[in-house]
N, C-alpha and C. Protein backbone atom coordinates (compact mmCIF):
# COMPACT_ATOMS: atom_id res chain seq x y z
N ARG A 1 54.89 138.79 125.16
CA ARG A 1 55.12 137.91 124.03
C ARG A 1 56.26 136.93 124.33
N VAL A 2 57.36 137.44 124.86
CA VAL A 2 58.49 136.58 125.22
C VAL A 2 58.09 135.65 126.37
N LEU A 3 57.31 136.18 127.30
CA LEU A 3 56.87 135.36 128.43
C LEU A 3 56.05 134.16 127.95
N PHE A 4 55.15 134.38 127.01
CA PHE A 4 54.32 133.28 126.52
C PHE A 4 55.14 132.25 125.77
N ARG A 5 56.17 132.69 125.05
CA ARG A 5 57.03 131.73 124.36
C ARG A 5 57.80 130.88 125.36
N SER A 6 58.26 131.48 126.45
CA SER A 6 59.01 130.71 127.44
C SER A 6 58.08 129.76 128.20
N LEU A 7 56.82 130.15 128.38
CA LEU A 7 55.88 129.26 129.05
C LEU A 7 55.57 128.03 128.21
N ALA A 8 55.68 128.14 126.89
CA ALA A 8 55.41 127.01 126.01
C ALA A 8 56.66 126.14 125.81
N ASN A 9 57.75 126.51 126.42
CA ASN A 9 59.00 125.77 126.29
C ASN A 9 58.91 124.43 127.02
N GLU A 10 59.40 123.38 126.40
CA GLU A 10 59.35 122.03 126.98
C GLU A 10 60.12 121.95 128.30
N VAL A 11 61.25 122.62 128.38
CA VAL A 11 62.05 122.62 129.61
C VAL A 11 61.26 123.26 130.75
N PHE A 12 60.59 124.36 130.45
CA PHE A 12 59.78 125.02 131.46
C PHE A 12 58.65 124.10 131.93
N GLU A 13 58.02 123.39 131.01
CA GLU A 13 56.94 122.48 131.38
C GLU A 13 57.44 121.39 132.33
N TRP A 14 58.59 120.80 132.03
CA TRP A 14 59.15 119.76 132.89
C TRP A 14 59.53 120.32 134.25
N ALA A 15 60.09 121.54 134.27
CA ALA A 15 60.48 122.16 135.53
C ALA A 15 59.24 122.45 136.39
N PHE A 16 58.19 122.97 135.77
CA PHE A 16 56.96 123.28 136.49
C PHE A 16 56.31 121.99 137.00
N PHE A 17 56.30 120.97 136.17
CA PHE A 17 55.76 119.66 136.55
C PHE A 17 56.52 119.10 137.75
N SER A 18 57.84 119.13 137.69
CA SER A 18 58.67 118.61 138.79
C SER A 18 58.43 119.38 140.08
N ALA A 19 58.34 120.71 139.96
CA ALA A 19 58.10 121.53 141.15
C ALA A 19 56.73 121.23 141.75
N ALA A 20 55.72 121.03 140.91
CA ALA A 20 54.37 120.73 141.41
C ALA A 20 54.35 119.40 142.15
N ILE A 21 55.01 118.40 141.60
CA ILE A 21 55.04 117.09 142.26
C ILE A 21 55.82 117.17 143.58
N ALA A 22 56.97 117.85 143.56
CA ALA A 22 57.77 117.99 144.79
C ALA A 22 57.00 118.74 145.87
N PHE A 23 56.32 119.82 145.48
CA PHE A 23 55.53 120.59 146.44
C PHE A 23 54.39 119.75 147.01
N ALA A 24 53.73 118.98 146.15
CA ALA A 24 52.63 118.13 146.60
C ALA A 24 53.12 117.07 147.58
N LEU A 25 54.25 116.44 147.29
CA LEU A 25 54.79 115.43 148.20
C LEU A 25 55.16 116.05 149.55
N LEU A 26 55.78 117.21 149.52
CA LEU A 26 56.16 117.88 150.76
C LEU A 26 54.93 118.28 151.57
N ALA A 27 53.95 118.86 150.90
CA ALA A 27 52.72 119.28 151.58
C ALA A 27 51.97 118.09 152.16
N ALA A 28 51.91 116.99 151.40
CA ALA A 28 51.23 115.80 151.89
C ALA A 28 51.93 115.24 153.13
N ALA A 29 53.24 115.18 153.09
CA ALA A 29 53.99 114.63 154.22
C ALA A 29 53.86 115.52 155.46
N LEU A 30 54.00 116.82 155.28
CA LEU A 30 53.91 117.72 156.43
C LEU A 30 52.50 117.75 157.02
N GLY A 31 51.49 117.75 156.16
CA GLY A 31 50.11 117.74 156.65
C GLY A 31 49.77 116.44 157.36
N TYR A 32 50.20 115.33 156.78
CA TYR A 32 49.89 114.02 157.36
C TYR A 32 50.50 113.86 158.75
N ARG A 33 51.65 114.46 158.96
CA ARG A 33 52.28 114.38 160.28
C ARG A 33 51.38 114.99 161.36
N VAL A 34 50.55 115.96 160.97
CA VAL A 34 49.68 116.62 161.93
C VAL A 34 48.32 115.93 162.03
N HIS A 35 47.66 115.71 160.89
CA HIS A 35 46.26 115.27 160.94
C HIS A 35 46.04 113.77 160.72
N ARG A 36 46.98 113.07 160.17
CA ARG A 36 46.88 111.61 159.94
C ARG A 36 45.63 111.19 159.17
N ALA A 37 45.13 112.04 158.29
CA ALA A 37 43.93 111.73 157.50
C ALA A 37 44.34 110.98 156.23
N LYS A 38 43.99 109.71 156.18
CA LYS A 38 44.36 108.89 155.03
C LYS A 38 43.63 109.31 153.75
N GLY A 39 42.43 109.85 153.87
CA GLY A 39 41.68 110.32 152.71
C GLY A 39 42.41 111.44 151.98
N VAL A 40 43.04 112.30 152.75
CA VAL A 40 43.82 113.39 152.15
C VAL A 40 45.01 112.82 151.40
N LEU A 41 45.67 111.84 151.99
CA LEU A 41 46.81 111.20 151.30
C LEU A 41 46.37 110.53 150.01
N ILE A 42 45.20 109.90 150.03
CA ILE A 42 44.68 109.26 148.82
C ILE A 42 44.43 110.33 147.75
N GLY A 43 43.88 111.46 148.16
CA GLY A 43 43.66 112.56 147.22
C GLY A 43 44.95 113.05 146.60
N PHE A 44 45.99 113.18 147.41
CA PHE A 44 47.29 113.58 146.88
C PHE A 44 47.82 112.53 145.90
N ALA A 45 47.68 111.27 146.25
CA ALA A 45 48.19 110.20 145.38
C ALA A 45 47.44 110.17 144.05
N VAL A 46 46.13 110.30 144.10
CA VAL A 46 45.33 110.30 142.86
C VAL A 46 45.70 111.52 142.01
N GLY A 47 45.78 112.68 142.63
CA GLY A 47 46.14 113.90 141.89
C GLY A 47 47.51 113.81 141.26
N ALA A 48 48.49 113.34 142.03
CA ALA A 48 49.85 113.21 141.49
C ALA A 48 49.88 112.18 140.37
N GLY A 49 49.15 111.07 140.56
CA GLY A 49 49.11 110.04 139.52
C GLY A 49 48.51 110.57 138.22
N LEU A 50 47.41 111.30 138.32
CA LEU A 50 46.80 111.88 137.12
C LEU A 50 47.72 112.90 136.46
N LEU A 51 48.39 113.69 137.28
CA LEU A 51 49.33 114.68 136.74
C LEU A 51 50.48 114.01 136.01
N VAL A 52 51.03 112.97 136.59
CA VAL A 52 52.12 112.22 135.95
C VAL A 52 51.63 111.57 134.66
N MET A 53 50.47 110.93 134.71
CA MET A 53 49.94 110.29 133.50
C MET A 53 49.70 111.31 132.39
N GLY A 54 49.13 112.44 132.76
CA GLY A 54 48.86 113.47 131.76
C GLY A 54 50.13 114.03 131.15
N ARG A 55 51.12 114.28 131.98
CA ARG A 55 52.39 114.83 131.47
C ARG A 55 53.09 113.82 130.58
N MET A 56 53.12 112.57 130.99
CA MET A 56 53.76 111.54 130.18
C MET A 56 53.03 111.33 128.86
N ALA A 57 51.70 111.38 128.92
CA ALA A 57 50.91 111.22 127.69
C ALA A 57 51.22 112.33 126.70
N GLU A 58 51.36 113.55 127.21
CA GLU A 58 51.70 114.67 126.32
C GLU A 58 53.13 114.59 125.82
N ALA A 59 54.05 114.30 126.71
CA ALA A 59 55.47 114.31 126.34
C ALA A 59 55.82 113.22 125.34
N PHE A 60 55.24 112.05 125.52
CA PHE A 60 55.59 110.91 124.67
C PHE A 60 54.48 110.55 123.68
N GLU A 61 53.47 111.43 123.59
CA GLU A 61 52.36 111.25 122.65
C GLU A 61 51.76 109.84 122.75
N LEU A 62 51.46 109.44 123.97
CA LEU A 62 50.93 108.10 124.23
C LEU A 62 49.46 107.99 123.84
N PHE A 63 48.68 109.01 124.15
CA PHE A 63 47.26 109.01 123.79
C PHE A 63 46.75 110.44 123.84
N GLU A 64 45.59 110.65 123.23
CA GLU A 64 44.95 111.96 123.24
C GLU A 64 44.40 112.25 124.64
N GLY A 65 44.32 113.51 124.98
CA GLY A 65 43.71 113.88 126.25
C GLY A 65 44.68 113.96 127.41
N GLY A 66 45.97 113.94 127.14
CA GLY A 66 46.93 114.05 128.23
C GLY A 66 46.81 115.37 128.98
N GLY A 67 46.53 116.43 128.24
CA GLY A 67 46.37 117.73 128.88
C GLY A 67 45.19 117.76 129.83
N LYS A 68 44.10 117.09 129.44
CA LYS A 68 42.93 117.03 130.31
C LYS A 68 43.22 116.24 131.58
N LEU A 69 43.99 115.17 131.46
CA LEU A 69 44.38 114.41 132.65
C LEU A 69 45.24 115.26 133.57
N ALA A 70 46.16 116.01 132.98
CA ALA A 70 47.04 116.86 133.78
C ALA A 70 46.23 117.93 134.52
N ILE A 71 45.23 118.49 133.84
CA ILE A 71 44.38 119.48 134.49
C ILE A 71 43.60 118.85 135.64
N LEU A 72 43.03 117.67 135.41
CA LEU A 72 42.31 116.98 136.48
C LEU A 72 43.24 116.67 137.66
N GLY A 73 44.47 116.25 137.35
CA GLY A 73 45.44 115.99 138.41
C GLY A 73 45.76 117.23 139.21
N GLY A 74 45.94 118.34 138.51
CA GLY A 74 46.22 119.61 139.19
C GLY A 74 45.06 120.04 140.08
N LEU A 75 43.84 119.86 139.59
CA LEU A 75 42.66 120.19 140.40
C LEU A 75 42.55 119.27 141.61
N ALA A 76 42.85 117.99 141.42
CA ALA A 76 42.81 117.05 142.55
C ALA A 76 43.87 117.41 143.59
N LEU A 77 45.05 117.81 143.13
CA LEU A 77 46.09 118.24 144.07
C LEU A 77 45.67 119.49 144.82
N ALA A 78 45.08 120.45 144.11
CA ALA A 78 44.62 121.67 144.77
C ALA A 78 43.56 121.35 145.82
N GLY A 79 42.62 120.47 145.47
CA GLY A 79 41.60 120.06 146.44
C GLY A 79 42.20 119.36 147.64
N SER A 80 43.21 118.54 147.40
CA SER A 80 43.87 117.83 148.50
C SER A 80 44.62 118.80 149.40
N HIS A 81 45.23 119.83 148.81
CA HIS A 81 45.89 120.85 149.62
C HIS A 81 44.88 121.54 150.53
N LEU A 82 43.73 121.90 149.98
CA LEU A 82 42.70 122.56 150.78
C LEU A 82 42.17 121.64 151.89
N ALA A 83 41.94 120.38 151.55
CA ALA A 83 41.48 119.42 152.55
C ALA A 83 42.53 119.24 153.66
N SER A 84 43.78 119.20 153.28
CA SER A 84 44.86 119.06 154.26
C SER A 84 44.92 120.27 155.18
N LEU A 85 44.75 121.46 154.61
CA LEU A 85 44.75 122.67 155.44
C LEU A 85 43.58 122.65 156.43
N ARG A 86 42.40 122.24 155.96
CA ARG A 86 41.24 122.16 156.85
C ARG A 86 41.47 121.13 157.96
N CYS A 87 41.99 119.97 157.60
CA CYS A 87 42.24 118.93 158.61
C CYS A 87 43.29 119.36 159.61
N THR A 88 44.31 120.03 159.13
CA THR A 88 45.37 120.52 160.01
C THR A 88 44.81 121.55 160.99
N ALA A 89 44.00 122.48 160.48
CA ALA A 89 43.40 123.50 161.36
C ALA A 89 42.48 122.85 162.37
N ALA A 90 41.69 121.88 161.94
CA ALA A 90 40.77 121.20 162.85
C ALA A 90 41.53 120.45 163.93
N CYS A 91 42.60 119.79 163.55
CA CYS A 91 43.39 119.03 164.51
C CYS A 91 44.03 119.96 165.54
N ARG A 92 44.55 121.06 165.07
CA ARG A 92 45.21 122.00 165.99
C ARG A 92 44.19 122.62 166.94
N ALA A 93 42.98 122.85 166.46
CA ALA A 93 41.94 123.41 167.35
C ALA A 93 41.50 122.37 168.39
N ASP A 94 41.35 121.11 167.97
CA ASP A 94 40.92 120.05 168.88
C ASP A 94 42.02 119.61 169.81
N CYS A 95 43.23 119.49 169.26
CA CYS A 95 44.35 118.93 170.01
C CYS A 95 45.04 119.97 170.89
N ASP A 96 44.77 121.25 170.64
CA ASP A 96 45.46 122.33 171.32
C ASP A 96 46.96 122.22 171.13
N CYS A 97 47.36 121.95 169.88
CA CYS A 97 48.79 121.78 169.55
C CYS A 97 49.50 123.11 169.48
């Protein structure tokens, strides 16, 4: 019960949002150094953009559907992480890094 109340806290939401964006930027940069796949970077950018738009829409009540945008952004980031992992593994297998 206490856990669910803290998860609904605005400060927790901003902290989780910030951590997700920071992790995505770090993962994108580290993966790109290995595989140089621009499509993966575009996926990270789209996902982060949707996540930012969704969070801002919710926080400042800009429009309805901010939560849905944030979910789509999170899914796009997760997909980009998986694509980056696949590209990194492929590059290391081909390049013998």
